[in-house]
Amino acid sequence: MWPVRNPDSTTYVGAIESSELFGLCIYQEAVRWGSQQAHKIVVLTDGARYNKTIASTHLPGAVNIIDLYHAREHLAGLAKSLGIHDA
């Protein structure tokens, strides 16, 4: 059996503000969606360390995932540092 995602169950939070205020925004959004009853919370970010810190501060135990664009960007940087040019 494969999980089926409800397309209406995903929301996005974005802002240009302090980490403290942004953390509060993602926490409020999680609460709005019932995070207290959730079995799993997933936070999708660009992989910046401060985003992981914000998520772990406000949503302890959440699964952190790097978005595909930034994951590829990080892998390309690693390949370049290793001298792999066809990556």
Protein backbone atom coordinates (compact mmCIF):
# COMPACT_ATOMS: atom_id res chain seq x y z
CA MET A 1 0.00 0.00 0.00
CA TRP A 2 1.39 3.42 -0.99
CA PRO A 3 0.70 6.58 1.02
CA VAL A 4 -1.48 9.12 -0.71
CA ARG A 5 -0.82 12.78 -0.05
CA ASN A 6 -3.72 15.16 0.25
CA PRO A 7 -2.69 18.12 -1.94
CA ASP A 8 -4.52 20.46 0.44
CA SER A 9 -2.42 19.32 3.40
CA THR A 10 0.79 21.11 2.42
CA THR A 11 1.43 24.74 3.29
CA TYR A 12 4.39 27.03 2.85
CA VAL A 13 5.80 29.68 5.14
CA GLY A 14 8.29 32.21 3.87
CA ALA A 15 9.36 35.62 5.06
CA ILE A 16 12.22 38.04 5.27
CA GLU A 17 12.47 38.61 8.98
CA SER A 18 14.49 37.61 12.01
CA SER A 19 15.01 33.93 12.79
CA GLU A 20 13.04 34.36 15.99
CA LEU A 21 9.97 35.74 14.20
CA PHE A 22 10.22 33.20 11.39
CA GLY A 23 10.42 30.36 13.91
CA LEU A 24 7.25 31.64 15.52
CA CYS A 25 5.56 31.72 12.08
CA ILE A 26 6.39 28.08 11.32
CA TYR A 27 5.36 27.03 14.82
CA GLN A 28 1.99 28.81 14.46
CA GLU A 29 1.42 27.18 11.07
CA ALA A 30 2.22 23.76 12.49
CA VAL A 31 -0.20 24.31 15.38
CA ARG A 32 -2.86 25.51 12.93
CA TRP A 33 -2.51 22.16 11.13
CA GLY A 34 -2.69 20.13 14.33
CA SER A 35 0.96 19.45 15.08
CA GLN A 36 0.07 18.30 18.59
CA GLN A 37 -1.68 15.26 17.10
CA ALA A 38 0.71 14.70 14.18
CA HIS A 39 2.64 11.46 13.91
CA LYS A 40 5.31 13.13 11.78
CA ILE A 41 6.19 16.71 10.93
CA VAL A 42 8.40 17.45 7.93
CA VAL A 43 10.27 20.71 7.41
CA LEU A 44 11.59 21.33 3.89
CA THR A 45 14.41 23.89 3.68
CA ASP A 46 17.39 24.94 1.61
CA GLY A 47 19.72 23.14 4.00
CA ALA A 48 21.11 26.23 5.71
CA ARG A 49 22.17 25.41 9.27
CA TYR A 50 20.08 28.22 10.78
CA ASN A 51 16.91 26.76 9.19
CA LYS A 52 17.57 23.42 10.87
CA THR A 53 18.15 25.25 14.15
CA ILE A 54 14.88 27.19 13.78
CA ALA A 55 12.97 23.99 12.99
CA SER A 56 14.49 22.00 15.86
CA THR A 57 13.83 24.85 18.30
CA HIS A 58 10.16 25.23 17.41
CA LEU A 59 9.33 21.74 16.13
CA PRO A 60 11.52 19.27 18.05
CA GLY A 61 11.60 15.87 16.40
CA ALA A 62 10.56 17.20 13.00
CA VAL A 63 12.15 15.54 9.96
CA ASN A 64 14.35 18.01 8.07
CA ILE A 65 14.57 17.58 4.30
CA ILE A 66 16.64 19.66 1.89
CA ASP A 67 14.70 20.70 -1.21
CA LEU A 68 15.82 19.12 -4.48
CA TYR A 69 17.28 22.28 -6.02
CA HIS A 70 19.51 22.99 -3.04
CA ALA A 71 20.42 19.32 -2.56
CA ARG A 72 21.68 19.25 -6.14
CA GLU A 73 23.53 22.51 -5.56
CA HIS A 74 25.28 21.05 -2.48
CA LEU A 75 26.15 17.84 -4.37
CA ALA A 76 27.54 19.82 -7.31
CA GLY A 77 29.76 21.76 -4.90
CA LEU A 78 30.99 18.51 -3.35
CA ALA A 79 31.67 16.97 -6.77
CA LYS A 80 33.62 20.06 -7.80
CA SER A 81 35.71 19.95 -4.62
CA LEU A 82 36.46 16.27 -5.31
CA GLY A 83 37.49 17.06 -8.89
CA ILE A 84 34.51 15.30 -10.46
CA HIS A 85 33.60 17.48 -13.43
CA ASP A 86 30.87 15.44 -15.11
CA ALA A 87 28.54 15.41 -12.09
